[in-house]
Amino acid sequence: MINFDEEIRKLKPVYEVDEAEDAIYANDLKDVTDILVEMVKEIKEK
């Protein structure tokens, strides 16, 4: 049977994941919704 307490103690943080999250959240990336909102806004202005 799996000893969950022991397995939790074995876990080590993965720093690359934390660094990737920081880099992703630091950039203001646009998603599809943002692009569509900009397109509609530009069409309405014309």
N, C-alpha and C. Protein backbone atom coordinates (compact mmCIF):
# COMPACT_ATOMS: atom_id res chain seq x y z
N MET A 1 0.83 -1.18 0.00
CA MET A 1 0.00 0.00 0.00
C MET A 1 0.88 1.25 0.00
N ILE A 2 0.39 2.31 -0.56
CA ILE A 2 1.16 3.54 -0.66
C ILE A 2 1.10 4.30 0.66
N ASN A 3 2.27 4.69 1.14
CA ASN A 3 2.35 5.52 2.34
C ASN A 3 2.42 6.98 1.87
N PHE A 4 1.30 7.66 1.92
CA PHE A 4 1.21 9.01 1.38
C PHE A 4 2.10 10.00 2.13
N ASP A 5 2.19 9.85 3.44
CA ASP A 5 3.04 10.76 4.22
C ASP A 5 4.50 10.66 3.78
N GLU A 6 4.95 9.44 3.55
CA GLU A 6 6.33 9.24 3.11
C GLU A 6 6.53 9.80 1.70
N GLU A 7 5.59 9.58 0.84
CA GLU A 7 5.70 10.10 -0.53
C GLU A 7 5.72 11.63 -0.55
N ILE A 8 4.93 12.26 0.30
CA ILE A 8 4.92 13.72 0.39
C ILE A 8 6.28 14.23 0.85
N ARG A 9 6.89 13.55 1.79
CA ARG A 9 8.22 13.95 2.27
C ARG A 9 9.26 13.85 1.17
N LYS A 10 9.10 12.93 0.24
CA LYS A 10 10.05 12.74 -0.85
C LYS A 10 9.95 13.83 -1.92
N LEU A 11 8.81 14.50 -1.98
CA LEU A 11 8.61 15.50 -3.03
C LEU A 11 9.58 16.65 -2.88
N LYS A 12 10.10 17.11 -4.00
CA LYS A 12 10.99 18.26 -4.03
C LYS A 12 10.40 19.26 -5.02
N PRO A 13 10.49 20.54 -4.70
CA PRO A 13 9.94 21.55 -5.61
C PRO A 13 10.68 21.56 -6.96
N VAL A 14 9.95 21.82 -7.98
CA VAL A 14 10.54 21.93 -9.32
C VAL A 14 10.65 23.42 -9.63
N TYR A 15 11.87 23.92 -9.60
CA TYR A 15 12.08 25.35 -9.75
C TYR A 15 11.80 25.84 -11.17
N GLU A 16 11.98 24.97 -12.16
CA GLU A 16 11.73 25.38 -13.53
C GLU A 16 10.27 25.74 -13.73
N VAL A 17 9.38 25.03 -13.07
CA VAL A 17 7.95 25.32 -13.19
C VAL A 17 7.65 26.67 -12.57
N ASP A 18 8.21 26.95 -11.41
CA ASP A 18 8.00 28.25 -10.77
C ASP A 18 8.54 29.38 -11.64
N GLU A 19 9.71 29.18 -12.22
CA GLU A 19 10.30 30.20 -13.09
C GLU A 19 9.44 30.42 -14.33
N ALA A 20 8.93 29.34 -14.90
CA ALA A 20 8.08 29.46 -16.08
C ALA A 20 6.79 30.19 -15.74
N GLU A 21 6.20 29.88 -14.59
CA GLU A 21 4.98 30.58 -14.17
C GLU A 21 5.25 32.07 -14.01
N ASP A 22 6.36 32.42 -13.39
CA ASP A 22 6.70 33.83 -13.19
C ASP A 22 6.86 34.53 -14.53
N ALA A 23 7.52 33.88 -15.48
CA ALA A 23 7.74 34.49 -16.79
C ALA A 23 6.42 34.66 -17.54
N ILE A 24 5.55 33.69 -17.42
CA ILE A 24 4.25 33.77 -18.11
C ILE A 24 3.40 34.88 -17.52
N TYR A 25 3.33 34.93 -16.20
CA TYR A 25 2.49 35.94 -15.55
C TYR A 25 3.08 37.34 -15.69
N ALA A 26 4.39 37.46 -15.85
CA ALA A 26 5.03 38.77 -15.99
C ALA A 26 4.70 39.40 -17.34
N ASN A 27 4.50 38.58 -18.36
CA ASN A 27 4.15 39.09 -19.69
C ASN A 27 2.64 39.23 -19.79
N ASP A 28 2.24 40.32 -20.42
CA ASP A 28 0.81 40.54 -20.61
C ASP A 28 0.42 39.91 -21.95
N LEU A 29 0.22 38.61 -21.94
CA LEU A 29 -0.10 37.89 -23.16
C LEU A 29 -1.59 38.02 -23.47
N LYS A 30 -1.87 38.17 -24.75
CA LYS A 30 -3.26 38.28 -25.18
C LYS A 30 -3.81 36.89 -25.47
N ASP A 31 -5.07 36.70 -25.12
CA ASP A 31 -5.71 35.47 -25.49
C ASP A 31 -6.70 35.77 -26.62
N VAL A 32 -7.40 34.78 -27.07
CA VAL A 32 -8.31 34.92 -28.21
C VAL A 32 -9.38 35.97 -27.93
N THR A 33 -9.86 36.02 -26.71
CA THR A 33 -10.89 36.98 -26.36
C THR A 33 -10.38 38.41 -26.52
N ASP A 34 -9.16 38.67 -26.06
CA ASP A 34 -8.58 40.01 -26.20
C ASP A 34 -8.44 40.41 -27.66
N ILE A 35 -8.02 39.47 -28.49
CA ILE A 35 -7.85 39.75 -29.92
C ILE A 35 -9.20 40.05 -30.57
N LEU A 36 -10.21 39.26 -30.24
CA LEU A 36 -11.53 39.49 -30.80
C LEU A 36 -12.10 40.84 -30.36
N VAL A 37 -11.91 41.20 -29.12
CA VAL A 37 -12.40 42.49 -28.63
C VAL A 37 -11.72 43.63 -29.39
N GLU A 38 -10.43 43.53 -29.62
CA GLU A 38 -9.72 44.55 -30.39
C GLU A 38 -10.23 44.62 -31.82
N MET A 39 -10.47 43.48 -32.44
CA MET A 39 -10.96 43.47 -33.82
C MET A 39 -12.34 44.13 -33.92
N VAL A 40 -13.23 43.81 -33.00
CA VAL A 40 -14.57 44.40 -33.01
C VAL A 40 -14.47 45.91 -32.79
N LYS A 41 -13.60 46.31 -31.89
CA LYS A 41 -13.41 47.73 -31.61
C LYS A 41 -12.92 48.48 -32.84
N GLU A 42 -11.96 47.89 -33.56
CA GLU A 42 -11.44 48.51 -34.78
C GLU A 42 -12.51 48.59 -35.86
N ILE A 43 -13.31 47.55 -36.00
CA ILE A 43 -14.39 47.55 -37.00
C ILE A 43 -15.41 48.63 -36.69
N LYS A 44 -15.76 48.80 -35.44
CA LYS A 44 -16.73 49.81 -35.04
C LYS A 44 -16.21 51.23 -35.28
N GLU A 45 -14.90 51.43 -35.15
CA GLU A 45 -14.30 52.74 -35.36
C GLU A 45 -14.30 53.15 -36.82
N LYS A 46 -14.33 52.20 -37.72
CA LYS A 46 -14.26 52.50 -39.16
C LYS A 46 -15.59 52.92 -39.69
